């Protein structure tokens, strides 16, 4: 799809849901609604204008579902185009980058000796838990001694996507002005809107998460292990009618827990011989989810993918269902 076609699609989508195109003071639409596909282009609704609308709205019930293929897979079939290996490699690269930046910041603040630098010691313990290669840790400890290298600072950006969807962008950056400028540029180019701090974050909760492929564990066995180890929840994968049999074998269970019980859950899984996916071990999970149509889903996917491509960005989350 060409960039001009995508731009036209984004413009048409905004028009169809009644988003004022040139009103900087307009408020984002917060209502969760679905427009029937048989609407005419003259049917408009806007929270910022007094237009009369003949359109028919259908309420969408919030049902808590958690993604099972990572937060970037916004489309249904299209999210698989890049290939599973490519997605996993990208997630691993982001994980290594984030841990590396945390090492640099810890060394900058407390020195390179983990015996005296408890913050660095904790990061190294986490890196061992996540199987981060030793050479990456050593390289970043050395890089922290460079005079021109600044400490990294955590930044969180909140974004409105299409269809009232909320997006959280987590970044670790040594240049805040560069970070915010690039995030704003991507959001603007993709048709999103920057949100005020706190306007989206309250819709999520922080949790420790372990991902287990459905082919690597029996459901009842996994539930028993999680219960015994004190997990808060086990979220089963979402059914998708578009998935092939091969795709269905790539689904994941998500074991959700507190930080206190996380290590115990990993230990129990190892004892039982259950293979689990090494991730950053921490995710933002939406309290409720929002359902949007296929076009909005694709536009949000492009926005989030472009955000994750930024070097400063370590993770992107959304409350979009699907």
Protein backbone atom coordinates (compact mmCIF):
# COMPACT_ATOMS: atom_id res chain seq x y z
CA UNK A 1 0.00 0.00 0.00
CA UNK A 2 1.47 3.37 -0.99
CA UNK A 3 1.95 6.21 1.49
CA UNK A 4 -0.57 8.34 -0.40
CA UNK A 5 -3.18 5.58 -0.15
CA UNK A 6 -2.54 5.18 3.58
CA UNK A 7 -2.80 8.94 4.07
CA UNK A 8 -6.08 9.06 2.17
CA UNK A 9 -7.37 6.10 4.19
CA UNK A 10 -6.48 7.83 7.46
CA UNK A 11 -8.15 11.05 6.31
CA UNK A 12 -11.29 9.22 5.16
CA UNK A 13 -11.45 7.31 8.44
CA UNK A 14 -11.23 10.51 10.49
CA UNK A 15 -13.95 12.07 8.35
CA UNK A 16 -16.21 9.03 8.70
CA UNK A 17 -16.11 9.16 12.51
CA UNK A 18 -16.55 12.91 12.65
CA UNK A 19 -13.11 14.00 13.89
CA UNK A 20 -12.67 17.72 13.10
CA UNK A 21 -9.70 17.91 10.75
CA UNK A 22 -8.44 21.40 11.56
CA UNK A 23 -9.49 22.08 15.11
CA UNK A 24 -6.51 22.02 17.47
CA UNK A 25 -8.77 22.60 20.45
CA UNK A 26 -11.05 19.67 19.78
CA UNK A 27 -11.24 16.96 22.41
CA UNK A 28 -10.54 13.30 21.65
CA UNK A 29 -13.60 11.09 21.37
CA UNK A 30 -13.72 8.84 24.41
CA UNK A 31 -16.93 6.93 23.68
CA UNK A 32 -16.53 3.30 22.66
CA UNK A 33 -18.77 2.83 19.64
CA UNK A 34 -18.79 0.95 16.36
CA UNK A 35 -20.12 2.41 13.17
CA UNK A 36 -22.11 0.10 10.94
CA UNK A 37 -20.36 -0.49 7.63
CA UNK A 38 -23.34 0.68 5.59
CA UNK A 39 -23.01 4.31 6.68
CA UNK A 40 -22.89 6.94 4.01
CA UNK A 41 -20.06 9.45 3.89
CA UNK A 42 -22.53 12.19 4.82
CA UNK A 43 -23.31 10.62 8.18
CA UNK A 44 -21.24 12.52 10.72
CA UNK A 45 -20.86 12.68 14.45
CA UNK A 46 -18.55 14.87 16.49
CA UNK A 47 -18.16 15.65 20.16
CA UNK A 48 -16.77 19.04 19.16
CA UNK A 49 -19.53 20.20 16.77
CA UNK A 50 -23.34 20.41 16.83
CA UNK A 51 -23.97 18.26 13.77
CA UNK A 52 -27.19 16.29 13.47
CA UNK A 53 -26.49 12.69 12.64
CA UNK A 54 -28.71 9.92 11.36
CA UNK A 55 -26.13 7.23 12.07
CA UNK A 56 -26.84 4.17 14.12
CA UNK A 57 -24.41 3.38 16.92
CA UNK A 58 -23.80 -0.02 18.43
CA UNK A 59 -22.36 -0.27 21.94
CA UNK A 60 -19.31 -2.43 22.50
CA UNK A 61 -19.02 -4.30 25.78
CA UNK A 62 -15.62 -4.22 27.37
CA UNK A 63 -14.27 -7.73 27.70
CA UNK A 64 -10.86 -8.19 29.19
CA UNK A 65 -8.57 -9.96 26.77
CA UNK A 66 -4.81 -9.82 26.68
CA UNK A 67 -2.74 -10.07 23.53
CA UNK A 68 -0.89 -13.30 23.01
CA UNK A 69 1.51 -12.22 20.27
CA UNK A 70 3.05 -9.12 21.75
CA UNK A 71 1.67 -5.57 21.85
CA UNK A 72 2.54 -4.68 18.28
CA UNK A 73 0.33 -7.13 16.41
CA UNK A 74 -2.55 -4.79 15.74
CA UNK A 75 -3.89 -6.35 12.54
CA UNK A 76 -5.47 -9.78 12.23
CA UNK A 77 -3.75 -11.47 9.31
CA UNK A 78 -1.37 -8.63 8.50
CA UNK A 79 0.43 -8.85 11.85
CA UNK A 80 1.91 -12.16 10.73
CA UNK A 81 3.42 -10.81 7.49
CA UNK A 82 6.78 -9.94 9.02
CA UNK A 83 7.18 -13.54 10.19
CA UNK A 84 7.30 -14.93 13.69
CA UNK A 85 11.08 -15.15 13.83
CA UNK A 86 11.43 -11.51 12.84
CA UNK A 87 9.01 -10.44 15.55
CA UNK A 88 10.78 -12.48 18.21
CA UNK A 89 14.19 -11.18 17.11
CA UNK A 90 12.90 -7.61 17.30
CA UNK A 91 11.51 -8.18 20.81
CA UNK A 92 14.80 -9.68 21.93
CA UNK A 93 16.79 -6.79 20.45
CA UNK A 94 14.59 -4.29 22.30
CA UNK A 95 15.03 -6.24 25.53
CA UNK A 96 18.82 -6.28 25.21
CA UNK A 97 18.86 -2.58 24.35
CA UNK A 98 16.75 -1.70 27.37
CA UNK A 99 18.86 -3.73 29.79
CA UNK A 100 22.01 -2.22 28.28
CA UNK A 101 20.73 1.31 28.85
CA UNK A 102 19.76 0.44 32.43
CA UNK A 103 23.31 -0.82 33.02
CA UNK A 104 24.78 2.44 31.69
CA UNK A 105 22.57 4.54 33.96
CA UNK A 106 23.35 2.42 37.03
CA UNK A 107 27.11 2.60 36.42
CA UNK A 108 26.91 6.36 35.86
CA UNK A 109 25.23 6.81 39.22
CA UNK A 110 27.02 4.26 41.41
CA UNK A 111 30.11 2.93 39.65
CA UNK A 112 30.89 -0.38 37.89
CA UNK A 113 31.26 -2.57 41.00
CA UNK A 114 28.03 -4.49 41.73
CA UNK A 115 29.19 -5.19 45.29
CA UNK A 116 28.98 -1.51 46.21
CA UNK A 117 26.39 -0.57 43.56
CA UNK A 118 23.19 -2.33 44.61
CA UNK A 119 21.22 -0.89 41.67
CA UNK A 120 23.68 -2.40 39.20
CA UNK A 121 23.60 -5.69 41.08
CA UNK A 122 19.81 -5.86 40.78
CA UNK A 123 19.97 -5.15 37.04
CA UNK A 124 22.60 -7.85 36.54
CA UNK A 125 20.42 -10.33 38.45
CA UNK A 126 17.48 -9.47 36.22
CA UNK A 127 19.66 -9.80 33.12
CA UNK A 128 20.71 -13.29 34.23
CA UNK A 129 17.06 -14.21 34.79
CA UNK A 130 16.25 -13.03 31.25
CA UNK A 131 19.27 -14.72 29.64
CA UNK A 132 20.83 -11.47 28.41
CA UNK A 133 24.26 -12.32 26.89
CA UNK A 134 27.22 -11.50 29.15
CA UNK A 135 29.04 -9.60 26.41
CA UNK A 136 26.16 -7.12 26.16
CA UNK A 137 26.42 -6.37 29.88
CA UNK A 138 30.20 -6.00 29.76
CA UNK A 139 30.02 -3.75 26.69
CA UNK A 140 27.57 -1.38 28.36
CA UNK A 141 29.52 -1.27 31.62
CA UNK A 142 32.50 -0.15 29.58
CA UNK A 143 30.41 2.31 27.56
CA UNK A 144 29.26 4.01 30.77
CA UNK A 145 32.83 5.21 31.36
CA UNK A 146 32.86 7.24 28.12
CA UNK A 147 32.95 10.95 28.91
CA UNK A 148 30.34 11.82 26.30
CA UNK A 149 27.86 9.19 27.44
CA UNK A 150 25.01 10.54 29.56
CA UNK A 151 22.77 8.56 31.90
CA UNK A 152 19.47 7.31 30.51
CA UNK A 153 16.18 8.66 31.80
CA UNK A 154 12.82 6.89 31.72
CA UNK A 155 10.08 8.67 29.79
CA UNK A 156 6.47 7.65 29.15
CA UNK A 157 4.44 9.17 26.33
CA UNK A 158 0.68 8.78 25.99
CA UNK A 159 -1.00 8.79 22.59
CA UNK A 160 -4.53 8.66 21.17
CA UNK A 161 -4.86 6.29 18.24
CA UNK A 162 -7.80 5.71 15.93
CA UNK A 163 -11.20 4.76 17.31
CA UNK A 164 -10.53 6.10 20.82
CA UNK A 165 -7.70 3.61 21.38
CA UNK A 166 -5.06 4.53 23.95
CA UNK A 167 -1.36 3.88 23.38
CA UNK A 168 1.46 3.96 25.95
CA UNK A 169 5.04 4.46 24.75
CA UNK A 170 7.90 3.61 27.13
CA UNK A 171 11.34 5.02 26.40
CA UNK A 172 14.80 5.15 27.94
CA UNK A 173 16.71 8.06 26.49
CA UNK A 174 19.91 10.00 27.05
CA UNK A 175 18.50 12.94 25.01
CA UNK A 176 14.98 13.88 26.12
CA UNK A 177 14.52 16.62 23.50
CA UNK A 178 15.44 14.18 20.75
CA UNK A 179 13.16 11.51 22.16
CA UNK A 180 10.03 13.63 22.44
CA UNK A 181 10.61 15.26 19.04
CA UNK A 182 10.84 11.91 17.27
CA UNK A 183 7.81 10.47 19.06
CA UNK A 184 5.75 13.56 18.19
CA UNK A 185 6.86 13.36 14.57
CA UNK A 186 5.79 9.73 14.21
CA UNK A 187 2.45 10.35 15.93
CA UNK A 188 1.71 13.34 13.69
CA UNK A 189 2.74 11.55 10.48
CA UNK A 190 0.56 8.54 11.32
CA UNK A 191 -2.51 10.58 12.24
CA UNK A 192 -2.47 10.06 16.00
CA UNK A 193 -2.52 12.67 18.74
CA UNK A 194 -0.31 13.20 21.78
CA UNK A 195 -2.24 12.95 25.06
CA UNK A 196 -1.71 14.76 28.34
CA UNK A 197 0.21 12.80 31.02
CA UNK A 198 -2.12 10.55 33.00
CA UNK A 199 -5.02 10.69 30.56
CA UNK A 200 -4.38 7.14 29.29
CA UNK A 201 -2.07 5.52 31.85
CA UNK A 202 -4.88 5.01 34.37
CA UNK A 203 -6.44 2.51 31.96
CA UNK A 204 -3.52 0.09 32.46
CA UNK A 205 -1.91 -1.82 35.30
CA UNK A 206 1.69 -2.96 35.67
CA UNK A 207 2.18 -6.69 36.12
CA UNK A 208 4.85 -9.36 35.81
CA UNK A 209 4.02 -11.69 32.94
CA UNK A 210 5.33 -15.09 31.82
CA UNK A 211 4.43 -16.24 28.30
CA UNK A 212 4.03 -19.99 27.68
CA UNK A 213 3.30 -21.39 24.20
CA UNK A 214 0.18 -23.55 24.09
CA UNK A 215 2.19 -26.42 22.60
CA UNK A 216 4.65 -26.37 25.51
CA UNK A 217 2.20 -26.96 28.35
CA UNK A 218 -1.04 -28.68 29.17
CA UNK A 219 -3.69 -26.17 30.21
CA UNK A 220 -4.63 -27.89 33.46
CA UNK A 221 -0.98 -28.46 34.35
CA UNK A 222 -0.22 -24.78 33.77
CA UNK A 223 -3.15 -23.65 35.89
CA UNK A 224 -2.01 -25.93 38.73
CA UNK A 225 1.56 -24.61 38.58
CA UNK A 226 0.42 -21.00 38.50
CA UNK A 227 -2.00 -21.48 41.39
CA UNK A 228 0.61 -23.23 43.49
CA UNK A 229 3.15 -20.46 42.83
CA UNK A 230 0.73 -17.67 43.73
CA UNK A 231 -0.07 -16.26 40.29
CA UNK A 232 -2.83 -13.66 40.02
CA UNK A 233 -4.25 -14.87 36.73
CA UNK A 234 -3.70 -17.16 33.74
CA UNK A 235 -5.00 -15.61 30.53
CA UNK A 236 -5.78 -17.98 27.72
CA UNK A 237 -5.13 -17.03 24.09
CA UNK A 238 -7.83 -15.27 22.11
CA UNK A 239 -9.53 -17.28 19.37
CA UNK A 240 -9.27 -15.78 15.89
CA UNK A 241 -11.31 -17.27 13.08
CA UNK A 242 -8.76 -16.00 10.55
CA UNK A 243 -5.95 -18.04 12.10
CA UNK A 244 -4.67 -21.10 10.28
CA UNK A 245 -3.84 -24.31 12.16
CA UNK A 246 -0.18 -23.28 12.10
CA UNK A 247 -1.05 -19.90 13.59
CA UNK A 248 -3.07 -21.53 16.35
CA UNK A 249 0.02 -23.49 17.43
CA UNK A 250 1.81 -20.17 17.98
CA UNK A 251 -0.59 -18.94 20.62
CA UNK A 252 0.52 -18.23 24.18
CA UNK A 253 -0.85 -18.45 27.70
CA UNK A 254 -0.02 -15.44 29.89
CA UNK A 255 0.69 -16.05 33.56
CA UNK A 256 0.17 -12.79 35.45
CA UNK A 257 1.70 -12.25 38.88
CA UNK A 258 3.05 -9.72 41.32
CA UNK A 259 6.77 -9.00 41.53
CA UNK A 260 6.96 -10.96 44.79
CA UNK A 261 5.76 -14.21 43.20
CA UNK A 262 7.42 -13.88 39.81
CA UNK A 263 10.66 -15.70 40.67
CA UNK A 264 8.69 -18.52 42.31
CA UNK A 265 6.61 -18.99 39.16
CA UNK A 266 9.72 -19.22 36.98
CA UNK A 267 11.23 -21.73 39.40
CA UNK A 268 8.08 -23.89 39.37
CA UNK A 269 7.95 -23.86 35.57
CA UNK A 270 11.58 -24.99 35.38
CA UNK A 271 10.95 -27.76 37.92
CA UNK A 272 8.06 -29.07 35.85
CA UNK A 273 10.04 -28.83 32.61
CA UNK A 274 7.73 -26.20 31.10
CA UNK A 275 9.41 -23.97 28.54
CA UNK A 276 8.53 -20.29 28.78
CA UNK A 277 9.39 -17.25 26.70
CA UNK A 278 12.08 -14.99 28.07
CA UNK A 279 10.73 -11.45 27.92
CA UNK A 280 11.27 -8.33 29.96
CA UNK A 281 9.02 -9.91 32.59
CA UNK A 282 6.93 -6.77 33.00
CA UNK A 283 4.03 -5.51 30.92
CA UNK A 284 1.30 -2.90 31.03
CA UNK A 285 -2.02 -4.74 30.79
CA UNK A 286 -5.23 -2.88 29.85
CA UNK A 287 -7.98 -2.96 32.49
CA UNK A 288 -10.56 -3.02 29.68
CA UNK A 289 -10.20 -3.20 25.91
CA UNK A 290 -11.67 -1.28 22.98
CA UNK A 291 -12.87 -2.89 19.79
CA UNK A 292 -12.38 -1.03 16.50
CA UNK A 293 -12.99 -1.85 12.86
CA UNK A 294 -10.36 -3.36 10.55
CA UNK A 295 -9.31 -0.04 9.04
CA UNK A 296 -8.65 1.59 12.41
CA UNK A 297 -6.81 -1.56 13.50
CA UNK A 298 -4.45 -1.34 10.53
CA UNK A 299 -3.82 2.39 11.04
CA UNK A 300 -3.05 1.83 14.73
CA UNK A 301 -0.74 -1.04 13.81
CA UNK A 302 1.26 1.22 11.52
CA UNK A 303 1.46 3.94 14.18
CA UNK A 304 2.69 1.54 16.86
CA UNK A 305 5.16 -0.21 14.58
CA UNK A 306 6.72 3.12 13.61
CA UNK A 307 6.97 4.13 17.25
CA UNK A 308 8.74 0.91 18.19
CA UNK A 309 11.22 1.47 15.36
CA UNK A 310 12.59 4.48 17.26
CA UNK A 311 15.87 3.73 19.05
CA UNK A 312 14.75 5.40 22.29
CA UNK A 313 11.49 3.44 22.50
CA UNK A 314 11.59 0.16 24.39
CA UNK A 315 7.93 -0.90 24.50
CA UNK A 316 4.52 0.09 23.16
CA UNK A 317 1.18 -0.96 24.68
CA UNK A 318 -2.46 -0.40 23.77
CA UNK A 319 -5.96 -1.13 25.06
CA UNK A 320 -7.16 -2.15 21.60
CA UNK A 321 -8.87 -5.50 21.43
CA UNK A 322 -7.74 -8.02 18.85
